[in-house]
N, C-alpha and C. Protein backbone atom coordinates (compact mmCIF):
# COMPACT_ATOMS: atom_id res chain seq x y z
N MET A 1 127.20 66.33 131.33
CA MET A 1 126.05 66.43 132.58
C MET A 1 124.46 66.09 132.38
N THR A 2 124.13 64.97 133.40
CA THR A 2 123.19 64.84 133.79
C THR A 2 122.89 65.66 134.69
N THR A 3 121.28 65.81 134.76
CA THR A 3 120.10 65.82 135.36
C THR A 3 119.47 65.16 136.58
N ASP A 4 119.52 64.25 135.64
CA ASP A 4 118.86 62.60 136.35
C ASP A 4 119.28 62.78 137.62
N VAL A 5 117.99 62.57 138.66
CA VAL A 5 117.99 61.95 139.68
C VAL A 5 118.55 60.55 140.13
N PHE A 6 118.53 59.79 139.64
CA PHE A 6 118.88 58.38 139.60
C PHE A 6 119.83 57.91 138.55
N ASP A 7 120.32 57.01 138.88
CA ASP A 7 121.60 56.58 138.18
C ASP A 7 121.28 55.44 136.98
N PRO A 8 122.09 55.21 136.64
CA PRO A 8 121.02 54.52 135.14
C PRO A 8 120.75 53.25 135.06
N ALA A 9 120.95 52.67 136.25
CA ALA A 9 120.41 51.71 136.55
C ALA A 9 119.00 51.88 137.44
N LYS A 10 119.05 52.47 138.27
CA LYS A 10 117.52 52.59 139.48
C LYS A 10 116.53 53.71 138.11
N ARG A 11 117.07 54.28 136.54
CA ARG A 11 115.99 54.61 136.16
C ARG A 11 115.97 53.23 135.04
N SER A 12 116.77 52.62 134.32
CA SER A 12 115.89 51.49 133.94
C SER A 12 114.70 50.42 134.36
N ALA A 13 115.12 50.51 136.08
CA ALA A 13 113.72 50.13 137.06
C ALA A 13 112.82 50.88 136.85
N VAL A 14 113.14 52.05 136.90
CA VAL A 14 111.23 53.11 137.29
C VAL A 14 111.19 52.83 135.73
N MET A 15 112.17 53.10 134.38
CA MET A 15 110.24 52.84 133.59
C MET A 15 110.35 51.62 133.10
N ALA A 16 110.90 50.86 133.45
CA ALA A 16 110.70 49.24 133.21
C ALA A 16 109.04 49.38 133.52
N ARG A 17 109.19 50.12 135.05
CA ARG A 17 107.49 49.52 135.47
C ARG A 17 106.42 50.57 134.86
N VAL A 18 106.65 51.85 134.21
CA VAL A 18 106.02 52.22 133.54
C VAL A 18 104.61 51.07 132.50
N LYS A 19 103.55 51.13 132.39
CA LYS A 19 102.79 49.74 132.16
C LYS A 19 102.41 50.11 130.75
N SER A 20 101.69 49.33 129.54
CA SER A 20 101.16 49.89 129.11
C SER A 20 99.75 49.27 129.11
N LYS A 21 99.32 48.00 129.64
CA LYS A 21 98.46 47.31 129.53
C LYS A 21 98.09 47.79 131.05
N ASP A 22 96.73 47.28 131.68
CA ASP A 22 95.90 47.27 132.87
C ASP A 22 96.59 48.51 133.39
N THR A 23 96.47 49.36 132.83
CA THR A 23 96.64 51.12 134.13
C THR A 23 95.57 51.25 134.90
N ALA A 24 96.28 52.51 135.91
CA ALA A 24 94.80 52.33 136.63
C ALA A 24 93.36 53.41 135.28
N PRO A 25 93.75 54.30 135.01
CA PRO A 25 92.62 54.95 134.19
C PRO A 25 92.35 53.78 133.53
N GLU A 26 92.87 52.90 132.52
CA GLU A 26 92.20 51.60 132.07
C GLU A 26 91.55 51.06 132.69
N LYS A 27 91.51 50.59 134.04
CA LYS A 27 90.48 50.03 134.81
C LYS A 27 89.65 50.92 135.30
N THR A 28 89.89 51.98 135.79
CA THR A 28 88.40 53.25 135.99
C THR A 28 87.61 53.47 134.30
N LEU A 29 88.10 53.08 133.70
CA LEU A 29 87.57 53.00 132.45
C LEU A 29 86.76 51.34 132.08
N ARG A 30 87.43 50.27 132.28
CA ARG A 30 86.45 49.10 132.08
C ARG A 30 85.46 49.42 133.16
N ARG A 31 85.22 49.67 134.51
CA ARG A 31 84.72 49.97 135.75
C ARG A 31 83.64 50.27 135.67
N LEU A 32 83.88 51.99 135.05
CA LEU A 32 82.56 52.67 134.09
C LEU A 32 82.11 51.96 133.26
N LEU A 33 82.61 51.13 132.06
CA LEU A 33 82.10 50.70 131.36
C LEU A 33 80.37 49.61 131.51
N THR A 34 81.19 48.63 132.38
CA THR A 34 80.72 47.94 133.31
C THR A 34 79.63 48.20 133.56
N GLY A 35 79.63 49.52 134.66
CA GLY A 35 78.74 49.64 134.89
C GLY A 35 77.35 49.66 134.58
N LEU A 36 78.01 50.68 132.94
CA LEU A 36 77.03 51.11 132.07
C LEU A 36 76.29 49.58 131.36
N GLY A 37 76.30 48.18 131.88
CA GLY A 37 76.10 46.87 131.03
C GLY A 37 76.73 47.41 129.35
N ALA A 38 77.94 47.59 129.68
CA ALA A 38 78.59 47.31 128.42
C ALA A 38 79.56 46.39 128.54
N ARG A 39 79.58 45.30 127.08
CA ARG A 39 80.66 43.90 127.26
C ARG A 39 81.77 44.68 126.16
N TYR A 40 82.59 44.30 126.74
CA TYR A 40 83.78 44.60 125.77
C TYR A 40 85.48 43.33 125.95
N ARG A 41 86.25 43.37 124.67
CA ARG A 41 87.08 42.75 124.91
C ARG A 41 88.08 43.94 125.18
N LEU A 42 89.47 43.17 125.34
CA LEU A 42 90.77 43.99 125.84
C LEU A 42 91.41 43.60 125.00
N HIS A 43 92.28 44.79 124.07
CA HIS A 43 93.74 44.16 123.81
C HIS A 43 93.64 43.64 122.52
N ARG A 44 93.03 43.98 121.74
CA ARG A 44 92.80 42.85 120.60
C ARG A 44 94.15 43.04 119.37
N LYS A 45 94.50 42.59 119.58
CA LYS A 45 96.06 42.72 118.60
C LYS A 45 95.81 42.37 116.90
N ASP A 46 94.82 42.33 116.61
CA ASP A 46 94.00 42.14 115.07
C ASP A 46 94.18 43.13 114.55
N LEU A 47 93.70 44.23 115.68
CA LEU A 47 93.03 45.61 114.94
C LEU A 47 94.52 46.80 115.16
N PRO A 48 94.62 48.01 114.23
CA PRO A 48 95.31 48.29 114.49
C PRO A 48 95.57 49.37 115.56
N GLY A 49 96.83 49.29 116.46
CA GLY A 49 97.18 50.44 117.55
C GLY A 49 96.86 49.38 118.68
N SER A 50 96.03 48.16 118.58
CA SER A 50 96.04 47.29 119.45
C SER A 50 95.02 47.86 120.63
N PRO A 51 93.57 48.63 120.29
CA PRO A 51 92.78 49.30 120.95
C PRO A 51 92.78 48.99 122.39
N ASP A 52 92.32 50.03 123.63
CA ASP A 52 92.45 49.15 125.43
C ASP A 52 90.83 48.28 125.05
N LEU A 53 90.42 48.41 125.18
CA LEU A 53 88.80 47.93 124.89
C LEU A 53 87.99 48.33 123.53
N VAL A 54 87.80 47.17 122.92
CA VAL A 54 86.76 47.21 121.62
C VAL A 54 85.38 46.44 121.97
N MET A 55 83.86 47.16 121.44
CA MET A 55 83.48 46.04 121.36
C MET A 55 82.88 46.23 120.24
N PRO A 56 83.11 44.84 119.36
CA PRO A 56 82.98 44.14 118.47
C PRO A 56 81.89 44.64 117.43
N GLY A 57 80.36 44.19 118.52
CA GLY A 57 79.39 44.44 117.91
C GLY A 57 79.18 45.49 117.17
N ARG A 58 79.38 46.90 118.50
CA ARG A 58 78.85 48.14 118.07
C ARG A 58 80.31 48.99 117.60
N ARG A 59 81.33 47.92 116.26
CA ARG A 59 82.12 48.32 116.26
C ARG A 59 83.17 49.87 116.59
N LEU A 60 82.92 50.05 117.89
CA LEU A 60 83.59 50.96 118.56
C LEU A 60 85.18 50.57 119.49
N ALA A 61 86.19 51.20 119.50
CA ALA A 61 87.59 50.81 119.78
C ALA A 61 87.95 52.36 120.16
N PHE A 62 87.92 52.03 122.49
CA PHE A 62 88.85 52.90 122.77
C PHE A 62 90.22 53.05 123.24
N PHE A 63 91.14 53.86 123.33
CA PHE A 63 92.46 54.46 123.38
C PHE A 63 92.21 54.81 124.59
N VAL A 64 92.99 54.16 125.99
CA VAL A 64 92.76 55.38 127.36
C VAL A 64 94.81 55.48 127.21
N HIS A 65 94.87 56.53 126.42
CA HIS A 65 96.13 57.50 127.03
C HIS A 65 96.10 58.41 128.10
N GLY A 66 97.96 58.12 127.92
CA GLY A 66 98.33 59.10 129.36
C GLY A 66 98.43 60.22 128.66
N CYS A 67 98.54 61.29 129.47
CA CYS A 67 98.11 62.78 128.65
C CYS A 67 99.93 62.75 128.96
N PHE A 68 101.17 62.71 128.77
CA PHE A 68 102.24 63.19 129.26
C PHE A 68 103.06 62.22 127.70
N TRP A 69 102.57 61.11 128.04
CA TRP A 69 103.18 60.07 127.06
C TRP A 69 102.66 60.29 125.17
N HIS A 70 101.49 60.66 125.13
CA HIS A 70 100.65 60.89 124.31
C HIS A 70 100.22 62.31 123.92
N GLY A 71 101.39 63.48 124.47
CA GLY A 71 101.01 64.83 124.47
C GLY A 71 98.98 65.45 124.06
N HIS A 72 98.75 65.17 125.62
CA HIS A 72 97.41 65.72 125.28
C HIS A 72 97.89 67.37 125.65
N ASP A 73 96.82 68.01 125.56
CA ASP A 73 96.53 69.17 125.71
C ASP A 73 96.60 70.12 126.83
N CYS A 74 96.61 69.87 127.88
CA CYS A 74 96.13 69.88 128.72
C CYS A 74 97.71 70.41 130.02
N ALA A 75 97.71 70.31 131.01
CA ALA A 75 98.93 70.64 131.37
C ALA A 75 100.03 69.66 131.56
N ARG A 76 99.49 68.42 132.33
CA ARG A 76 100.42 67.07 132.47
C ARG A 76 101.31 67.47 131.22
N GLY A 77 99.88 66.91 129.57
CA GLY A 77 100.94 66.40 128.42
C GLY A 77 101.62 67.74 127.84
N SER A 78 101.37 69.04 128.18
CA SER A 78 102.19 70.09 127.80
C SER A 78 103.43 70.42 128.63
N ARG A 79 103.93 69.52 129.31
CA ARG A 79 105.36 69.58 130.33
C ARG A 79 106.40 68.50 129.26
N VAL A 80 107.10 69.55 129.05
CA VAL A 80 108.54 68.48 128.39
C VAL A 80 109.48 69.17 129.40
N PRO A 81 110.28 67.34 129.91
CA PRO A 81 111.15 67.12 131.24
C PRO A 81 112.62 68.15 130.75
N LYS A 82 113.04 68.64 131.29
CA LYS A 82 114.29 69.23 131.09
C LYS A 82 115.43 68.86 130.33
N ALA A 83 115.39 67.71 131.52
CA ALA A 83 116.40 66.65 131.14
C ALA A 83 116.30 66.27 129.55
N ASN A 84 117.51 66.08 128.85
CA ASN A 84 117.30 65.83 127.37
C ASN A 84 115.94 65.88 126.50
N ARG A 85 115.39 67.33 126.00
CA ARG A 85 114.46 67.94 125.96
C ARG A 85 114.38 66.92 124.59
N ASP A 86 115.12 67.79 123.98
CA ASP A 86 114.52 67.31 122.38
C ASP A 86 114.26 65.16 122.05
N TYR A 87 114.96 64.42 123.22
CA TYR A 87 114.55 62.89 122.70
C TYR A 87 113.01 63.19 123.25
N TRP A 88 112.38 63.57 124.27
CA TRP A 88 111.46 63.82 124.25
C TRP A 88 110.25 64.24 123.61
N LEU A 89 110.41 65.17 123.48
CA LEU A 89 109.83 66.14 122.30
C LEU A 89 109.83 64.97 121.16
N ALA A 90 111.05 64.03 120.44
CA ALA A 90 110.58 63.57 119.20
C ALA A 90 109.59 62.57 119.34
N LYS A 91 109.70 61.74 121.40
CA LYS A 91 109.17 60.52 121.15
C LYS A 91 107.76 60.44 121.35
N VAL A 92 107.07 61.52 122.19
CA VAL A 92 105.76 62.37 121.89
C VAL A 92 105.48 62.87 120.69
N ALA A 93 106.20 62.97 119.95
CA ALA A 93 105.39 63.19 118.69
C ALA A 93 105.91 62.15 118.03
N ARG A 94 106.13 60.62 117.84
CA ARG A 94 106.20 59.47 117.13
C ARG A 94 104.89 59.10 117.62
N ASN A 95 104.88 59.36 118.51
CA ASN A 95 103.75 58.34 119.83
C ASN A 95 102.84 59.02 118.93
N LYS A 96 102.21 60.44 119.23
CA LYS A 96 101.36 60.97 118.77
C LYS A 96 101.09 60.55 116.41
N ALA A 97 101.72 60.44 116.59
CA ALA A 97 101.95 60.00 114.74
C ALA A 97 101.37 58.56 114.66
N ARG A 98 101.83 58.11 115.52
CA ARG A 98 101.15 56.57 115.31
C ARG A 98 99.72 56.36 115.70
N ASP A 99 98.95 57.25 117.01
CA ASP A 99 98.17 57.36 117.20
C ASP A 99 96.96 57.67 115.96
N ASP A 100 97.33 59.11 115.72
CA ASP A 100 96.80 59.58 114.40
C ASP A 100 96.57 58.47 113.41
N ARG A 101 97.82 57.88 112.99
CA ARG A 101 97.86 56.48 111.90
C ARG A 101 96.68 55.41 112.63
N ASN A 102 96.87 55.34 113.54
CA ASN A 102 96.05 53.89 114.09
C ASN A 102 94.45 53.97 114.37
N ALA A 103 93.87 55.61 114.52
CA ALA A 103 92.99 56.26 114.69
C ALA A 103 92.54 56.01 113.16
N ALA A 104 93.08 56.39 111.88
CA ALA A 104 92.71 56.24 110.71
C ALA A 104 92.89 55.37 110.49
N ALA A 105 93.18 53.99 110.45
CA ALA A 105 93.15 53.20 109.83
C ALA A 105 91.80 51.94 110.51
N LEU A 106 91.29 52.33 111.74
CA LEU A 106 89.94 52.23 112.45
C LEU A 106 89.31 52.55 111.42
N THR A 107 89.13 53.81 111.90
CA THR A 107 87.83 54.65 110.96
C THR A 107 87.92 54.19 109.60
N ALA A 108 88.62 54.25 108.63
CA ALA A 108 88.56 53.35 107.61
C ALA A 108 88.21 52.43 107.05
N ALA A 109 88.02 51.02 108.58
CA ALA A 109 87.95 49.84 108.45
C ALA A 109 86.36 49.70 108.81
N GLY A 110 85.89 51.06 109.32
CA GLY A 110 84.37 51.23 109.10
C GLY A 110 84.76 51.19 111.08
N TRP A 111 85.71 51.61 111.71
CA TRP A 111 85.35 51.45 113.88
C TRP A 111 85.41 52.92 114.41
N ARG A 112 84.25 53.03 114.87
CA ARG A 112 84.29 54.63 115.55
C ARG A 112 85.60 54.66 116.26
N VAL A 113 86.35 55.61 117.26
CA VAL A 113 87.23 55.38 117.84
C VAL A 113 86.91 56.30 118.54
N GLU A 114 87.27 55.94 120.53
CA GLU A 114 86.89 56.81 121.09
C GLU A 114 88.73 56.99 121.45
N THR A 115 88.96 58.38 122.18
CA THR A 115 89.79 58.29 123.31
C THR A 115 89.96 58.73 124.16
N ILE A 116 90.26 57.98 125.63
CA ILE A 116 90.34 59.29 127.07
C ILE A 116 91.43 58.96 127.27
N TRP A 117 91.06 60.29 127.66
CA TRP A 117 92.97 60.98 128.26
C TRP A 117 92.89 60.99 129.66
N GLU A 118 94.25 60.32 130.28
CA GLU A 118 94.60 60.33 131.45
C GLU A 118 93.74 61.51 132.57
N CYS A 119 93.78 63.05 131.61
CA CYS A 119 93.23 63.94 133.16
C CYS A 119 91.39 63.96 132.78
N GLN A 120 90.42 63.42 132.08
CA GLN A 120 89.43 63.39 132.13
C GLN A 120 88.90 62.45 133.04
N MET A 121 89.62 61.28 133.87
CA MET A 121 89.24 60.63 134.08
C MET A 121 88.76 61.28 135.81
N LYS A 122 89.86 62.38 136.11
CA LYS A 122 89.39 63.14 137.22
C LYS A 122 87.85 63.97 137.50
N ASP A 123 86.79 63.57 135.95
CA ASP A 123 85.31 63.93 136.45
C ASP A 123 84.74 63.01 135.76
N GLU A 124 84.36 62.13 136.54
CA GLU A 124 83.74 61.05 136.50
C GLU A 124 82.66 60.68 136.16
N ALA A 125 81.80 61.99 136.55
CA ALA A 125 80.21 62.10 136.08
C ALA A 125 80.42 63.03 135.18
N ALA A 126 81.34 63.65 134.43
CA ALA A 126 81.46 63.45 132.38
C ALA A 126 81.98 62.54 132.00
N LEU A 127 82.60 62.04 132.45
CA LEU A 127 83.14 60.60 131.92
C LEU A 127 82.23 59.92 131.13
N VAL A 128 81.06 59.43 132.81
CA VAL A 128 80.29 58.87 132.28
C VAL A 128 79.11 59.07 131.02
N ALA A 129 79.03 60.49 131.36
CA ALA A 129 78.19 61.26 130.49
C ALA A 129 78.35 61.27 129.52
N ARG A 130 80.02 61.52 129.24
CA ARG A 130 80.84 60.66 127.28
C ARG A 130 80.09 59.89 127.28
N LEU A 131 80.30 58.82 128.06
CA LEU A 131 80.60 56.96 127.15
C LEU A 131 79.14 56.52 127.14
N ARG A 132 78.15 57.46 127.95
CA ARG A 132 76.55 56.95 128.02
C ARG A 132 76.14 56.97 126.51
N GLU A 133 76.68 58.65 126.34
CA GLU A 133 76.28 58.98 124.80
C GLU A 133 76.83 58.51 124.34
N THR A 134 78.05 58.34 123.99
CA THR A 134 79.29 57.14 122.97
C THR A 134 77.90 56.52 122.82
N LEU A 135 77.61 55.25 123.86
CA LEU A 135 77.13 54.10 123.76
C LEU A 135 75.59 54.08 123.16
N SER A 136 74.76 55.11 123.33
CA SER A 136 73.19 55.53 122.89
C SER A 136 73.92 55.71 121.21
N ARG A 137 74.80 56.36 121.37
CA ARG A 137 74.88 56.20 119.43
C ARG A 137 74.72 54.93 118.89
N GLY A 138 76.04 54.36 119.54
CA GLY A 138 76.26 53.30 118.34
C GLY A 138 75.12 52.69 118.77
N GLU A 139 74.37 52.68 119.66
CA GLU A 139 72.42 51.74 119.74
C GLU A 139 71.37 52.21 118.56
N ARG A 140 71.54 53.83 118.37
CA ARG A 140 71.39 55.05 117.31
C ARG A 140 71.40 53.69 116.02
N GLU A 141 72.94 53.62 115.73
CA GLU A 141 73.43 53.91 114.31
C GLU A 141 73.19 52.00 114.09
N GLY A 142 72.71 51.21 115.01
CA GLY A 142 73.18 49.98 114.47
C GLY A 142 74.32 49.41 113.80
N PRO A 143 74.47 48.08 113.91
CA PRO A 143 74.65 47.11 113.24
C PRO A 143 75.25 47.31 111.92
N GLY A 144 76.35 48.00 111.46
CA GLY A 144 76.64 48.39 109.77
C GLY A 144 76.23 49.33 109.55
N ALA A 145 75.93 50.29 109.95
CA ALA A 145 75.75 51.69 109.54
C ALA A 145 76.73 52.74 109.78
């Protein structure tokens, strides 16, 4: 018995619209960084995990994660669908393990990794303060530090 409100074809169409690039949270981060005068590259496929934004000169990589899909510890990320529960628990666990592997590989290669969660976009002032601190930390360390 399924509790899905959509038939399989409609569910497939809905899931196909879930984007991995150019999401609203990612666009918000781009706008905030541009406002701080930062320049960046998008989706560097040659780096582990293809970070959403990269600042090569600062050796800084940003990942923008959806709370549900990446298992954040906020209310939205902690929610597990009632239907197909085992599938979703395993899916999110695989995503988290992949995120950890990618961050470790980037760190081992000398990159700083910042994860921005979807829920953090709600407090834009706090996010701007965090970004400002992250950017200034990179300037203090300098290239190759």
